[in-house]
């Protein structure tokens, strides 16, 4: 975990089972859970809402995956995230 975070992240081992499954899938795909998800996971209802938004965007097919990747990088840059 990064010391410069303003909001503490959850320990994945302490997450509820459904949240833990998502964090584990991220670890397998990217080597570690995504930092924003570790923050959202502190409040399971917030986590479900955020995941629901991303799932809906992926399912609607309205945005080209390349554009989504560029948008994610831009948002990360604006948030000073070392993407």
C-alpha atoms as a PDB file:
ATOM      1  CA  UNK A   1       0.000   0.000   0.000  1.00  0.00           C
ATOM      2  CA  UNK A   2       1.106   3.520  -0.730  1.00  0.00           C
ATOM      3  CA  UNK A   3       1.894   5.859   2.186  1.00  0.00           C
ATOM      4  CA  UNK A   4       0.724   8.917   0.218  1.00  0.00           C
ATOM      5  CA  UNK A   5      -2.922   7.842   0.092  1.00  0.00           C
ATOM      6  CA  UNK A   6      -5.329  10.149   1.905  1.00  0.00           C
ATOM      7  CA  UNK A   7      -7.867   7.372   2.538  1.00  0.00           C
ATOM      8  CA  UNK A   8      -6.746   4.064   3.959  1.00  0.00           C
ATOM      9  CA  UNK A   9      -7.278   0.970   1.850  1.00  0.00           C
ATOM     10  CA  UNK A  10      -8.910  -2.222   3.046  1.00  0.00           C
ATOM     11  CA  UNK A  11      -6.819  -5.296   3.695  1.00  0.00           C
ATOM     12  CA  UNK A  12      -8.138  -7.699   1.005  1.00  0.00           C
ATOM     13  CA  UNK A  13      -8.134 -10.523   3.553  1.00  0.00           C
ATOM     14  CA  UNK A  14     -10.698  -8.561   5.607  1.00  0.00           C
ATOM     15  CA  UNK A  15     -13.115  -7.935   2.708  1.00  0.00           C
ATOM     16  CA  UNK A  16     -16.457  -9.670   2.459  1.00  0.00           C
ATOM     17  CA  UNK A  17     -16.431 -12.764   0.206  1.00  0.00           C
ATOM     18  CA  UNK A  18     -17.873 -11.175  -2.970  1.00  0.00           C
ATOM     19  CA  UNK A  19     -15.520  -8.198  -2.730  1.00  0.00           C
ATOM     20  CA  UNK A  20     -12.596 -10.499  -1.937  1.00  0.00           C
ATOM     21  CA  UNK A  21     -13.351 -12.499  -5.111  1.00  0.00           C
ATOM     22  CA  UNK A  22     -13.132  -9.351  -7.260  1.00  0.00           C
ATOM     23  CA  UNK A  23      -9.897  -8.254  -5.588  1.00  0.00           C
ATOM     24  CA  UNK A  24      -8.415 -11.728  -6.096  1.00  0.00           C
ATOM     25  CA  UNK A  25      -9.371 -11.679  -9.788  1.00  0.00           C
ATOM     26  CA  UNK A  26      -7.627  -8.315 -10.139  1.00  0.00           C
ATOM     27  CA  UNK A  27      -4.546  -9.702  -8.394  1.00  0.00           C
ATOM     28  CA  UNK A  28      -4.442 -12.594 -10.851  1.00  0.00           C
ATOM     29  CA  UNK A  29      -4.885 -10.317 -13.869  1.00  0.00           C
ATOM     30  CA  UNK A  30      -2.705  -7.343 -12.884  1.00  0.00           C
ATOM     31  CA  UNK A  31      -0.516  -8.616 -10.060  1.00  0.00           C
ATOM     32  CA  UNK A  32      -2.375  -6.690  -7.335  1.00  0.00           C
ATOM     33  CA  UNK A  33      -5.859  -5.370  -6.625  1.00  0.00           C
ATOM     34  CA  UNK A  34      -6.526  -1.932  -8.091  1.00  0.00           C
ATOM     35  CA  UNK A  35      -5.980   0.865  -5.559  1.00  0.00           C
ATOM     36  CA  UNK A  36      -9.354   2.500  -6.186  1.00  0.00           C
ATOM     37  CA  UNK A  37     -11.120  -0.802  -5.513  1.00  0.00           C
ATOM     38  CA  UNK A  38      -9.219  -1.199  -2.241  1.00  0.00           C
ATOM     39  CA  UNK A  39     -10.639   2.180  -1.178  1.00  0.00           C
ATOM     40  CA  UNK A  40     -14.181   1.440  -2.434  1.00  0.00           C
ATOM     41  CA  UNK A  41     -14.083  -1.912  -0.619  1.00  0.00           C
ATOM     42  CA  UNK A  42     -14.061  -0.133   2.743  1.00  0.00           C
ATOM     43  CA  UNK A  43     -17.795   0.413   2.131  1.00  0.00           C
ATOM     44  CA  UNK A  44     -19.270  -2.659   0.415  1.00  0.00           C
ATOM     45  CA  UNK A  45     -22.317  -0.749  -0.903  1.00  0.00           C
ATOM     46  CA  UNK A  46     -20.036   1.840  -2.528  1.00  0.00           C
ATOM     47  CA  UNK A  47     -17.920  -0.976  -3.963  1.00  0.00           C
ATOM     48  CA  UNK A  48     -21.022  -2.625  -5.470  1.00  0.00           C
ATOM     49  CA  UNK A  49     -22.159   0.687  -6.957  1.00  0.00           C
ATOM     50  CA  UNK A  50     -18.774   1.452  -8.512  1.00  0.00           C
ATOM     51  CA  UNK A  51     -18.449  -2.091  -9.880  1.00  0.00           C
ATOM     52  CA  UNK A  52     -21.999  -1.843 -11.218  1.00  0.00           C
ATOM     53  CA  UNK A  53     -21.122   1.324 -13.120  1.00  0.00           C
ATOM     54  CA  UNK A  54     -18.010  -0.227 -14.685  1.00  0.00           C
ATOM     55  CA  UNK A  55     -19.885  -3.444 -15.498  1.00  0.00           C
ATOM     56  CA  UNK A  56     -22.706  -1.492 -17.156  1.00  0.00           C
ATOM     57  CA  UNK A  57     -20.258   0.520 -19.243  1.00  0.00           C
ATOM     58  CA  UNK A  58     -18.535  -2.666 -20.360  1.00  0.00           C
ATOM     59  CA  UNK A  59     -21.849  -4.413 -21.136  1.00  0.00           C
ATOM     60  CA  UNK A  60     -23.472  -1.574 -23.078  1.00  0.00           C
ATOM     61  CA  UNK A  61     -20.886  -1.724 -25.831  1.00  0.00           C
ATOM     62  CA  UNK A  62     -21.375   1.994 -26.461  1.00  0.00           C
ATOM     63  CA  UNK A  63     -17.721   2.879 -25.998  1.00  0.00           C
ATOM     64  CA  UNK A  64     -14.806   1.520 -27.962  1.00  0.00           C
ATOM     65  CA  UNK A  65     -12.412  -0.340 -25.592  1.00  0.00           C
ATOM     66  CA  UNK A  66      -9.508   1.795 -26.847  1.00  0.00           C
ATOM     67  CA  UNK A  67     -11.393   4.953 -25.900  1.00  0.00           C
ATOM     68  CA  UNK A  68     -12.179   3.523 -22.459  1.00  0.00           C
ATOM     69  CA  UNK A  69      -8.476   2.801 -21.913  1.00  0.00           C
ATOM     70  CA  UNK A  70      -7.561   6.351 -22.957  1.00  0.00           C
ATOM     71  CA  UNK A  71     -10.231   7.811 -20.667  1.00  0.00           C
ATOM     72  CA  UNK A  72      -8.976   5.726 -17.759  1.00  0.00           C
ATOM     73  CA  UNK A  73      -5.439   6.960 -18.321  1.00  0.00           C
ATOM     74  CA  UNK A  74      -6.595  10.565 -18.552  1.00  0.00           C
ATOM     75  CA  UNK A  75      -8.587  10.316 -15.310  1.00  0.00           C
ATOM     76  CA  UNK A  76      -5.618   8.648 -13.616  1.00  0.00           C
ATOM     77  CA  UNK A  77      -3.388  11.481 -14.820  1.00  0.00           C
ATOM     78  CA  UNK A  78      -5.804  14.138 -13.552  1.00  0.00           C
ATOM     79  CA  UNK A  79      -5.832  12.386 -10.179  1.00  0.00           C
ATOM     80  CA  UNK A  80      -2.018  12.306 -10.197  1.00  0.00           C
ATOM     81  CA  UNK A  81      -2.094   8.534 -10.211  1.00  0.00           C
ATOM     82  CA  UNK A  82       1.154   6.940 -11.417  1.00  0.00           C
ATOM     83  CA  UNK A  83      -0.785   4.698 -13.845  1.00  0.00           C
END
